[in-house]
Structure formats: structure tokens, C-alpha cells
Amino acid sequence: MNVTDRGTRTDRIVLISTLLALAALYTLWYHADDDRIAALLVFALPPLLLGIGVLVRRATARFWAGVFALCWFSHGVMIAWAHADERVFGLIEIALSLTIVFSSNAPGLRAKFGKKA
């Protein structure tokens, strides 16, 4: 079943740019890691692929971006709390994941709470 995305152009631009920013953050964060390839496959590839899915207007990509963002938020909180040397990365991850949650749910929130015709 091919369900198209019903979000506005602005919703898609915000979501795509935030997903790409998150992928860039992970690339910067893990660039010097010993297991750099594994870290990039686990952390940077999912937001990149979801960004492509949102770009081609797949509604499932928007849904999964919101689901994954909850995990990214938890990861950011854990890093910000437990690792003082990586706290800035964790806080940026928290901000980006919250933006993803709200922008991925914007069409549904607008339908639920928007002005009635």
C-alpha cells in the first residue's frame, strides 16, 4: 500500500533539514571513533534514509522518523546526563529529536486541533 504524505511543503522542509542535520551531527560526533563505520551505520544512516523517504513523500518515513526520534531523544538525554565531555552533542541531539517529533506529527496535530471548515 502506497500512502502519500499529507504534510505541507514547510513541514517536509523542516523535517528533511532536521534529519540531515542529525545525520551530520552523528558524522561529526563519531568521526574519530575506533568503530567509525559501525557508528555511522547505526547512527547516521537511519536519519539519512528517513530524510530521503520524506523527500519522496512517503508517509511511513514521516511515521518512522517520529518513532526513531523518541529513541534519539532518550540517547541524547543519557549522553547529556552521563558524559560531561559529550554533553553539547547530547543537548544538540535532544533539540533535533524534539524538532523531528513535532515536525513529523504536524499534519496530524493540525488536523486534530486546527480550525474547522
N, C-alpha and C. Protein backbone atom coordinates (compact mmCIF):
# COMPACT_ATOMS: atom_id res chain seq x y z
N MET A 1 0.83 -1.17 0.00
CA MET A 1 0.00 0.00 0.00
C MET A 1 0.88 1.24 0.00
N ASN A 2 0.65 2.11 -0.95
CA ASN A 2 1.46 3.31 -1.09
C ASN A 2 0.68 4.51 -0.57
N VAL A 3 1.00 4.94 0.64
CA VAL A 3 0.32 6.07 1.26
C VAL A 3 1.22 7.28 1.09
N THR A 4 0.67 8.35 0.52
CA THR A 4 1.48 9.55 0.34
C THR A 4 1.38 10.45 1.55
N ASP A 5 2.39 11.24 1.72
CA ASP A 5 2.48 12.18 2.83
C ASP A 5 1.51 13.34 2.62
N ARG A 6 0.77 13.70 3.66
CA ARG A 6 -0.19 14.81 3.57
C ARG A 6 0.33 16.08 4.23
N GLY A 7 1.59 16.11 4.59
CA GLY A 7 2.15 17.29 5.22
C GLY A 7 2.36 18.41 4.22
N THR A 8 2.50 19.62 4.74
CA THR A 8 2.74 20.77 3.88
C THR A 8 4.20 20.79 3.44
N ARG A 9 4.49 21.65 2.50
CA ARG A 9 5.86 21.77 2.00
C ARG A 9 6.79 22.23 3.13
N THR A 10 6.33 23.14 3.95
CA THR A 10 7.14 23.64 5.07
C THR A 10 7.42 22.52 6.06
N ASP A 11 6.41 21.68 6.34
CA ASP A 11 6.61 20.54 7.25
C ASP A 11 7.72 19.64 6.71
N ARG A 12 7.67 19.35 5.43
CA ARG A 12 8.67 18.46 4.83
C ARG A 12 10.06 19.09 4.85
N ILE A 13 10.15 20.38 4.56
CA ILE A 13 11.45 21.05 4.56
C ILE A 13 12.07 21.02 5.96
N VAL A 14 11.27 21.32 6.96
CA VAL A 14 11.77 21.31 8.35
C VAL A 14 12.21 19.90 8.74
N LEU A 15 11.39 18.90 8.41
CA LEU A 15 11.70 17.52 8.79
C LEU A 15 12.94 17.02 8.06
N ILE A 16 13.03 17.27 6.77
CA ILE A 16 14.19 16.82 6.00
C ILE A 16 15.46 17.50 6.49
N SER A 17 15.42 18.80 6.69
CA SER A 17 16.63 19.51 7.13
C SER A 17 17.05 19.07 8.53
N THR A 18 16.10 18.79 9.39
CA THR A 18 16.44 18.33 10.74
C THR A 18 17.03 16.93 10.71
N LEU A 19 16.47 16.05 9.88
CA LEU A 19 17.03 14.70 9.75
C LEU A 19 18.45 14.75 9.19
N LEU A 20 18.67 15.60 8.20
CA LEU A 20 20.02 15.72 7.64
C LEU A 20 20.98 16.36 8.65
N ALA A 21 20.49 17.30 9.44
CA ALA A 21 21.33 17.89 10.49
C ALA A 21 21.70 16.85 11.55
N LEU A 22 20.77 15.96 11.87
CA LEU A 22 21.06 14.90 12.83
C LEU A 22 22.10 13.94 12.27
N ALA A 23 21.98 13.58 11.00
CA ALA A 23 22.98 12.72 10.36
C ALA A 23 24.35 13.39 10.36
N ALA A 24 24.38 14.70 10.09
CA ALA A 24 25.64 15.45 10.11
C ALA A 24 26.22 15.51 11.52
N LEU A 25 25.35 15.67 12.52
CA LEU A 25 25.81 15.68 13.91
C LEU A 25 26.48 14.35 14.26
N TYR A 26 25.84 13.25 13.90
CA TYR A 26 26.43 11.94 14.19
C TYR A 26 27.73 11.74 13.44
N THR A 27 27.82 12.22 12.21
CA THR A 27 29.05 12.10 11.45
C THR A 27 30.18 12.87 12.12
N LEU A 28 29.89 14.07 12.58
CA LEU A 28 30.88 14.87 13.29
C LEU A 28 31.25 14.24 14.63
N TRP A 29 30.24 13.74 15.33
CA TRP A 29 30.41 13.17 16.65
C TRP A 29 31.31 11.93 16.63
N TYR A 30 31.10 11.06 15.67
CA TYR A 30 31.80 9.78 15.63
C TYR A 30 32.92 9.73 14.58
N HIS A 31 33.37 10.88 14.09
CA HIS A 31 34.38 10.87 13.03
C HIS A 31 35.72 10.28 13.47
N ALA A 32 36.05 10.38 14.75
CA ALA A 32 37.33 9.87 15.23
C ALA A 32 37.18 8.59 16.05
N ASP A 33 36.02 7.99 16.04
CA ASP A 33 35.78 6.78 16.82
C ASP A 33 36.51 5.60 16.19
N ASP A 34 36.94 4.66 17.02
CA ASP A 34 37.62 3.47 16.51
C ASP A 34 36.70 2.63 15.62
N ASP A 35 35.45 2.55 15.98
CA ASP A 35 34.46 1.81 15.19
C ASP A 35 33.59 2.78 14.39
N ARG A 36 34.25 3.67 13.67
CA ARG A 36 33.58 4.74 12.94
C ARG A 36 32.53 4.23 11.97
N ILE A 37 32.84 3.18 11.21
CA ILE A 37 31.91 2.67 10.20
C ILE A 37 30.65 2.11 10.87
N ALA A 38 30.83 1.34 11.92
CA ALA A 38 29.67 0.79 12.63
C ALA A 38 28.82 1.90 13.25
N ALA A 39 29.47 2.90 13.83
CA ALA A 39 28.74 4.01 14.43
C ALA A 39 27.95 4.78 13.39
N LEU A 40 28.55 5.01 12.23
CA LEU A 40 27.85 5.73 11.18
C LEU A 40 26.69 4.92 10.62
N LEU A 41 26.87 3.60 10.51
CA LEU A 41 25.77 2.76 10.02
C LEU A 41 24.60 2.74 11.01
N VAL A 42 24.91 2.73 12.29
CA VAL A 42 23.87 2.66 13.31
C VAL A 42 23.23 4.02 13.56
N PHE A 43 24.04 5.08 13.57
CA PHE A 43 23.52 6.39 13.95
C PHE A 43 23.21 7.30 12.77
N ALA A 44 24.10 7.44 11.82
CA ALA A 44 23.92 8.43 10.75
C ALA A 44 23.07 7.93 9.59
N LEU A 45 23.10 6.65 9.30
CA LEU A 45 22.35 6.14 8.15
C LEU A 45 20.83 6.21 8.32
N PRO A 46 20.25 5.84 9.47
CA PRO A 46 18.79 5.92 9.59
C PRO A 46 18.20 7.30 9.34
N PRO A 47 18.72 8.39 9.94
CA PRO A 47 18.11 9.69 9.62
C PRO A 47 18.32 10.10 8.17
N LEU A 48 19.43 9.67 7.58
CA LEU A 48 19.67 9.97 6.17
C LEU A 48 18.64 9.27 5.28
N LEU A 49 18.40 7.98 5.53
CA LEU A 49 17.42 7.24 4.75
C LEU A 49 16.00 7.76 4.99
N LEU A 50 15.68 8.12 6.21
CA LEU A 50 14.36 8.68 6.50
C LEU A 50 14.18 10.03 5.82
N GLY A 51 15.24 10.81 5.76
CA GLY A 51 15.17 12.09 5.05
C GLY A 51 14.87 11.89 3.57
N ILE A 52 15.47 10.87 2.97
CA ILE A 52 15.18 10.55 1.57
C ILE A 52 13.73 10.11 1.43
N GLY A 53 13.25 9.31 2.37
CA GLY A 53 11.86 8.87 2.33
C GLY A 53 10.87 10.02 2.44
N VAL A 54 11.17 10.98 3.31
CA VAL A 54 10.30 12.15 3.43
C VAL A 54 10.38 12.99 2.16
N LEU A 55 11.56 13.06 1.56
CA LEU A 55 11.73 13.82 0.32
C LEU A 55 10.84 13.28 -0.80
N VAL A 56 10.69 11.95 -0.87
CA VAL A 56 9.84 11.35 -1.91
C VAL A 56 8.40 11.17 -1.42
N ARG A 57 8.08 11.82 -0.29
CA ARG A 57 6.72 11.92 0.25
C ARG A 57 6.11 10.59 0.68
N ARG A 58 6.89 9.77 1.33
CA ARG A 58 6.38 8.53 1.90
C ARG A 58 5.88 8.81 3.31
N ALA A 59 4.61 8.53 3.56
CA ALA A 59 4.03 8.78 4.89
C ALA A 59 4.67 7.88 5.94
N THR A 60 5.08 6.69 5.54
CA THR A 60 5.72 5.79 6.50
C THR A 60 7.06 6.34 6.97
N ALA A 61 7.75 7.08 6.12
CA ALA A 61 9.02 7.69 6.53
C ALA A 61 8.78 8.74 7.60
N ARG A 62 7.72 9.52 7.45
CA ARG A 62 7.37 10.52 8.46
C ARG A 62 7.05 9.83 9.79
N PHE A 63 6.28 8.74 9.72
CA PHE A 63 5.93 7.99 10.93
C PHE A 63 7.18 7.45 11.62
N TRP A 64 8.03 6.76 10.86
CA TRP A 64 9.22 6.16 11.46
C TRP A 64 10.22 7.21 11.95
N ALA A 65 10.25 8.37 11.31
CA ALA A 65 11.11 9.44 11.82
C ALA A 65 10.66 9.85 13.22
N GLY A 66 9.34 9.94 13.42
CA GLY A 66 8.82 10.26 14.75
C GLY A 66 9.13 9.19 15.77
N VAL A 67 9.04 7.93 15.37
CA VAL A 67 9.33 6.82 16.28
C VAL A 67 10.82 6.80 16.64
N PHE A 68 11.68 6.89 15.63
CA PHE A 68 13.12 6.89 15.89
C PHE A 68 13.53 8.10 16.72
N ALA A 69 12.84 9.23 16.53
CA ALA A 69 13.20 10.44 17.27
C ALA A 69 13.04 10.25 18.78
N LEU A 70 12.10 9.40 19.17
CA LEU A 70 11.95 9.11 20.60
C LEU A 70 13.19 8.40 21.14
N CYS A 71 13.75 7.50 20.34
CA CYS A 71 14.99 6.82 20.73
C CYS A 71 16.17 7.80 20.74
N TRP A 72 16.23 8.66 19.72
CA TRP A 72 17.31 9.65 19.67
C TRP A 72 17.22 10.61 20.85
N PHE A 73 16.01 10.97 21.24
CA PHE A 73 15.82 11.84 22.41
C PHE A 73 16.36 11.14 23.66
N SER A 74 16.01 9.89 23.85
CA SER A 74 16.48 9.14 25.03
C SER A 74 17.99 9.02 25.03
N HIS A 75 18.57 8.77 23.87
CA HIS A 75 20.02 8.68 23.75
C HIS A 75 20.67 10.02 24.11
N GLY A 76 20.10 11.11 23.62
CA GLY A 76 20.65 12.43 23.93
C GLY A 76 20.58 12.76 25.40
N VAL A 77 19.48 12.41 26.06
CA VAL A 77 19.35 12.64 27.49
C VAL A 77 20.38 11.82 28.26
N MET A 78 20.55 10.58 27.86
CA MET A 78 21.52 9.71 28.52
C MET A 78 22.94 10.27 28.38
N ILE A 79 23.30 10.71 27.17
CA ILE A 79 24.64 11.25 26.94
C ILE A 79 24.83 12.56 27.71
N ALA A 80 23.85 13.44 27.65
CA ALA A 80 23.96 14.73 28.34
C ALA A 80 24.08 14.55 29.85
N TRP A 81 23.42 13.54 30.38
CA TRP A 81 23.45 13.30 31.82
C TRP A 81 24.74 12.61 32.26
N ALA A 82 25.20 11.64 31.49
CA ALA A 82 26.27 10.76 31.97
C ALA A 82 27.67 11.11 31.47
N HIS A 83 27.77 11.84 30.37
CA HIS A 83 29.09 12.10 29.79
C HIS A 83 29.29 13.60 29.63
N ALA A 84 29.99 14.20 30.58
CA ALA A 84 30.18 15.65 30.56
C ALA A 84 30.97 16.10 29.33
N ASP A 85 31.89 15.29 28.85
CA ASP A 85 32.70 15.67 27.70
C ASP A 85 31.90 15.65 26.39
N GLU A 86 30.77 14.97 26.36
CA GLU A 86 29.94 14.91 25.15
C GLU A 86 28.58 15.58 25.37
N ARG A 87 28.46 16.37 26.42
CA ARG A 87 27.18 16.98 26.77
C ARG A 87 26.62 17.87 25.67
N VAL A 88 27.47 18.62 24.99
CA VAL A 88 26.99 19.50 23.92
C VAL A 88 26.36 18.68 22.80
N PHE A 89 27.00 17.58 22.41
CA PHE A 89 26.42 16.71 21.39
C PHE A 89 25.07 16.17 21.84
N GLY A 90 24.98 15.77 23.10
CA GLY A 90 23.72 15.24 23.62
C GLY A 90 22.61 16.28 23.62
N LEU A 91 22.94 17.51 23.99
CA LEU A 91 21.93 18.57 24.02
C LEU A 91 21.46 18.93 22.60
N ILE A 92 22.39 18.95 21.66
CA ILE A 92 22.00 19.20 20.27
C ILE A 92 21.12 18.06 19.76
N GLU A 93 21.47 16.83 20.12
CA GLU A 93 20.66 15.68 19.73
C GLU A 93 19.25 15.77 20.31
N ILE A 94 19.13 16.22 21.54
CA ILE A 94 17.82 16.40 22.16
C ILE A 94 17.00 17.43 21.38
N ALA A 95 17.60 18.56 21.07
CA ALA A 95 16.88 19.62 20.34
C ALA A 95 16.45 19.14 18.96
N LEU A 96 17.33 18.46 18.25
CA LEU A 96 16.98 17.96 16.92
C LEU A 96 15.89 16.89 16.99
N SER A 97 15.97 16.01 17.97
CA SER A 97 14.96 14.96 18.06
C SER A 97 13.59 15.52 18.42
N LEU A 98 13.54 16.54 19.27
CA LEU A 98 12.26 17.17 19.57
C LEU A 98 11.68 17.87 18.35
N THR A 99 12.54 18.49 17.57
CA THR A 99 12.08 19.11 16.32
C THR A 99 11.53 18.06 15.37
N ILE A 100 12.17 16.90 15.30
CA ILE A 100 11.69 15.82 14.45
C ILE A 100 10.34 15.32 14.94
N VAL A 101 10.18 15.16 16.24
CA VAL A 101 8.90 14.69 16.78
C VAL A 101 7.77 15.64 16.40
N PHE A 102 7.98 16.93 16.61
CA PHE A 102 6.92 17.90 16.34
C PHE A 102 6.67 18.06 14.84
N SER A 103 7.73 18.08 14.03
CA SER A 103 7.51 18.27 12.60
C SER A 103 6.95 17.01 11.93
N SER A 104 7.25 15.84 12.46
CA SER A 104 6.68 14.63 11.87
C SER A 104 5.22 14.46 12.24
N ASN A 105 4.81 15.06 13.35
CA ASN A 105 3.42 14.97 13.78
C ASN A 105 2.60 16.20 13.43
N ALA A 106 3.18 17.17 12.77
CA ALA A 106 2.49 18.43 12.47
C ALA A 106 1.21 18.24 11.66
N PRO A 107 1.19 17.39 10.61
CA PRO A 107 -0.08 17.23 9.87
C PRO A 107 -1.20 16.67 10.74
N GLY A 108 -0.89 15.71 11.58
CA GLY A 108 -1.91 15.14 12.47
C GLY A 108 -2.37 16.13 13.51
N LEU A 109 -1.44 16.89 14.08
CA LEU A 109 -1.81 17.90 15.07
C LEU A 109 -2.66 18.99 14.44
N ARG A 110 -2.30 19.37 13.21
CA ARG A 110 -3.07 20.40 12.51
C ARG A 110 -4.49 19.89 12.21
N ALA A 111 -4.60 18.63 11.83
CA ALA A 111 -5.93 18.06 11.54
C ALA A 111 -6.76 17.96 12.81
N LYS A 112 -6.14 17.63 13.91
CA LYS A 112 -6.86 17.45 15.17
C LYS A 112 -7.25 18.78 15.81
N PHE A 113 -6.31 19.73 15.85
CA PHE A 113 -6.54 20.95 16.59
C PHE A 113 -6.69 22.19 15.72
N GLY A 114 -6.62 22.05 14.41
CA GLY A 114 -6.73 23.21 13.52
C GLY A 114 -8.15 23.71 13.43
N LYS A 115 -8.30 24.80 12.69
CA LYS A 115 -9.61 25.39 12.51
C LYS A 115 -10.49 24.46 11.68
N LYS A 116 -11.73 24.35 12.08
CA LYS A 116 -12.68 23.50 11.36
C LYS A 116 -13.25 24.28 10.19
N ALA A 117 -13.49 23.59 9.10
CA ALA A 117 -14.02 24.24 7.89
C ALA A 117 -15.48 24.59 8.04
